[in-house]
């Protein structure tokens, strides 16, 4: 998990790999399978690459505030960074939705167990 990108100095080669890994994690969250395993991979991915993800997110937000250029005029590297930041935002949403879905199932099960235990 640490080999796709070792830091900001490695973004030219590593950004594509980070983006692929984040796309895989989005797809895994959407699959509704192996929640614990997906979250373990997600935790490790974020633990290892959080600094670079935060730096990219900050840079993208600063660029959006500074420049109001059309997408045609932007640097291809900046477009890749924006796409990666968008994928990370998607990942955040999909993981939260999967977590809420599992929490709802657990809450439903607990309520059902309470109801059945009162019947006995």
Foldseek 3Di string as FASTA:
>chain_A
DLPLAVAPVRCVRNLVVLLVVLVVLLVVLVVLPPLVVSVVVVVVSCVNCVVRLVVLVVVLVVCVVPDPDDPVPDDPSSVSSVSSNVSVVSSVVSNVVSVVVVVVVVVVVVVVVVVVVVVD
